[in-house]
Protein backbone atom coordinates (compact mmCIF):
# COMPACT_ATOMS: atom_id res chain seq x y z
CA MET A 1 51.11 -42.11 -14.71
CA LYS A 2 52.12 -45.39 -13.96
CA ILE A 3 51.83 -48.02 -17.06
CA LEU A 4 50.61 -51.50 -15.62
CA THR A 5 51.08 -53.72 -18.88
CA THR A 6 52.99 -53.00 -21.86
CA THR A 7 52.49 -53.97 -25.28
CA PRO A 8 54.88 -56.71 -25.36
CA GLU A 9 53.41 -58.42 -22.29
CA THR A 10 49.84 -58.30 -24.08
CA PHE A 11 51.56 -60.27 -27.30
CA GLY A 12 51.40 -57.01 -29.11
CA LYS A 13 47.77 -56.20 -28.49
CA TYR A 14 47.11 -53.13 -25.87
CA CYS A 15 48.91 -51.80 -23.06
CA VAL A 16 47.43 -50.48 -19.80
CA MET A 17 48.39 -47.32 -17.62
CA GLU A 18 46.66 -45.36 -14.89
CA MET A 19 46.58 -41.45 -15.25
CA GLN A 20 45.61 -39.38 -12.49
CA HIS A 21 44.88 -35.57 -13.57
CA GLN A 22 44.53 -32.36 -11.79
CA PRO A 23 41.52 -30.11 -12.24
CA ASN A 24 40.19 -29.62 -15.95
CA ILE A 25 43.03 -31.14 -17.38
CA GLY A 26 43.20 -33.36 -20.94
CA PRO A 27 44.86 -34.27 -23.97
CA ALA A 28 44.21 -32.67 -27.47
CA ILE A 29 41.65 -33.99 -29.80
CA HIS A 30 43.36 -36.79 -31.36
CA VAL A 31 42.47 -40.62 -33.18
CA HIS A 32 44.10 -43.89 -32.89
CA PRO A 33 44.58 -46.05 -36.40
CA LEU A 34 45.35 -49.18 -34.26
CA GLY A 35 43.07 -50.00 -31.90
CA ASN A 36 39.99 -49.24 -29.51
CA GLU A 37 41.34 -46.83 -26.57
CA THR A 38 38.82 -47.91 -23.13
CA PHE A 39 38.48 -45.58 -20.51
CA TYR A 40 37.74 -46.79 -16.72
CA ILE A 41 36.83 -44.11 -14.49
CA LEU A 42 38.43 -45.17 -10.55
CA GLU A 43 37.61 -41.54 -8.73
CA GLY A 44 36.44 -37.75 -10.11
CA ARG A 45 34.58 -37.18 -13.30
CA TYR A 46 35.63 -36.70 -16.40
CA SER A 47 34.10 -35.08 -20.06
CA PHE A 48 34.54 -37.51 -23.06
CA TYR A 49 34.25 -35.67 -26.47
CA TYR A 50 34.40 -38.69 -29.17
CA GLY A 51 33.30 -38.39 -32.90
CA ASP A 52 29.93 -36.16 -33.15
CA ARG A 53 28.59 -37.18 -29.32
CA MET A 54 29.46 -35.61 -25.69
CA THR A 55 28.97 -37.99 -22.18
CA GLU A 56 30.19 -37.29 -18.76
CA LEU A 57 31.50 -40.15 -16.39
CA SER A 58 31.89 -40.89 -13.02
CA ALA A 59 33.67 -43.47 -11.32
CA GLY A 60 32.70 -46.99 -11.84
CA GLU A 61 31.80 -46.02 -15.35
CA LEU A 62 33.10 -46.91 -18.65
CA LEU A 63 33.59 -45.77 -22.08
CA THR A 64 35.33 -47.64 -25.18
CA VAL A 65 36.43 -45.39 -28.66
CA GLU A 66 36.65 -46.88 -31.08
CA PRO A 67 39.59 -46.79 -33.88
CA GLY A 68 39.97 -43.84 -36.15
CA THR A 69 37.56 -41.78 -33.79
CA PRO A 70 38.43 -38.37 -32.84
CA HIS A 71 38.54 -38.08 -29.01
CA TYR A 72 40.12 -36.48 -26.15
CA TYR A 73 38.96 -36.22 -22.68
CA LYS A 74 38.82 -33.35 -19.93
CA SER A 75 38.66 -34.23 -16.44
CA GLY A 76 36.13 -32.11 -14.08
CA SER A 77 36.59 -29.99 -11.51
CA LYS A 78 38.30 -31.90 -8.64
CA GLY A 79 40.50 -33.55 -10.87
CA GLY A 80 40.41 -37.53 -11.10
CA ARG A 81 41.89 -40.82 -11.82
CA LEU A 82 41.71 -43.69 -14.24
CA LEU A 83 42.29 -46.61 -15.97
CA ILE A 84 42.83 -46.63 -19.60
CA ILE A 85 43.72 -49.59 -21.83
CA MET A 86 44.95 -48.40 -25.01
CA PRO A 87 46.12 -49.46 -28.60
CA PRO A 88 49.20 -51.21 -28.92
CA ASP A 89 53.43 -49.18 -28.15
CA LEU A 90 51.40 -46.09 -26.96
CA GLU A 91 53.32 -46.56 -23.82
CA ASN A 92 56.60 -45.83 -25.56
CA TYR A 93 54.93 -42.43 -26.58
CA PHE A 94 54.37 -41.60 -23.41
CA TRP A 95 58.10 -42.89 -22.24
CA GLU A 96 59.92 -40.72 -24.89
CA VAL A 97 58.16 -37.89 -24.46
CA SER A 98 58.78 -38.12 -20.31
CA ALA A 99 62.50 -38.86 -21.30
CA LEU A 100 62.77 -35.62 -23.43
CA GLU A 101 60.53 -33.33 -21.21
CA HIS A 102 62.80 -34.45 -18.64
CA ASP A 103 65.80 -32.49 -20.40
CA ARG A 104 64.15 -29.87 -22.08
CA PRO A 105 60.76 -28.00 -22.78
CA LEU A 106 59.16 -30.28 -25.68
CA PRO A 107 57.61 -28.25 -28.76
CA PHE A 108 54.10 -29.57 -29.39
CA SER A 109 55.62 -30.36 -33.34
CA GLU A 110 57.99 -32.44 -31.85
CA GLU A 111 55.48 -34.59 -30.02
CA LEU A 112 53.72 -34.53 -33.19
CA GLN A 113 55.85 -36.70 -34.99
CA ILE A 114 56.44 -39.37 -31.44
CA ALA A 115 52.99 -39.65 -31.09
CA GLU A 116 52.61 -40.57 -34.68
CA LYS A 117 55.33 -42.79 -34.41
CA TYR A 118 53.22 -45.13 -31.85
CA GLY A 119 50.03 -44.62 -33.34
CA GLN A 120 48.44 -41.66 -31.98
CA ASN A 121 47.49 -38.76 -34.26
CA PHE A 122 46.89 -35.40 -33.09
CA LEU A 123 44.41 -33.50 -35.32
CA ASN A 124 45.14 -29.79 -32.45
CA GLN A 125 46.90 -28.40 -30.56
CA PRO A 126 45.08 -28.44 -26.76
CA SER A 127 44.24 -25.42 -26.74
CA GLN A 128 43.10 -24.94 -29.86
CA SER A 129 39.81 -27.79 -29.15
CA SER A 130 36.39 -26.54 -30.25
CA HIS A 131 35.01 -27.56 -26.99
CA TRP A 132 36.77 -26.01 -23.94
């Protein structure tokens, strides 16, 4: 992953990241109470589950998920790369988790606390997703 724009650079409005995924990878179901999350597919194919809907997107397609909407995604069988416009301060979640995981395995319970601090609320563990 690469952070392209930080929250301070957007005057507290959002951050922008580019992520690359191996095949069949994605986060646990979560919500963002502080803002929209927009996904623009650069390469590959992704399945998105948001609210009670599911859609598949390919390179050049875009999806915006409203604040408070439960969602998650999964990369396709060949992996993929996407651009994500995230709610403010989420880059700090990724920085903090990455720094801790560099030194030791990070229990999911600890990751939950870090996520909540930066406006990402997980609703389950990755292996408990009802759509996988």
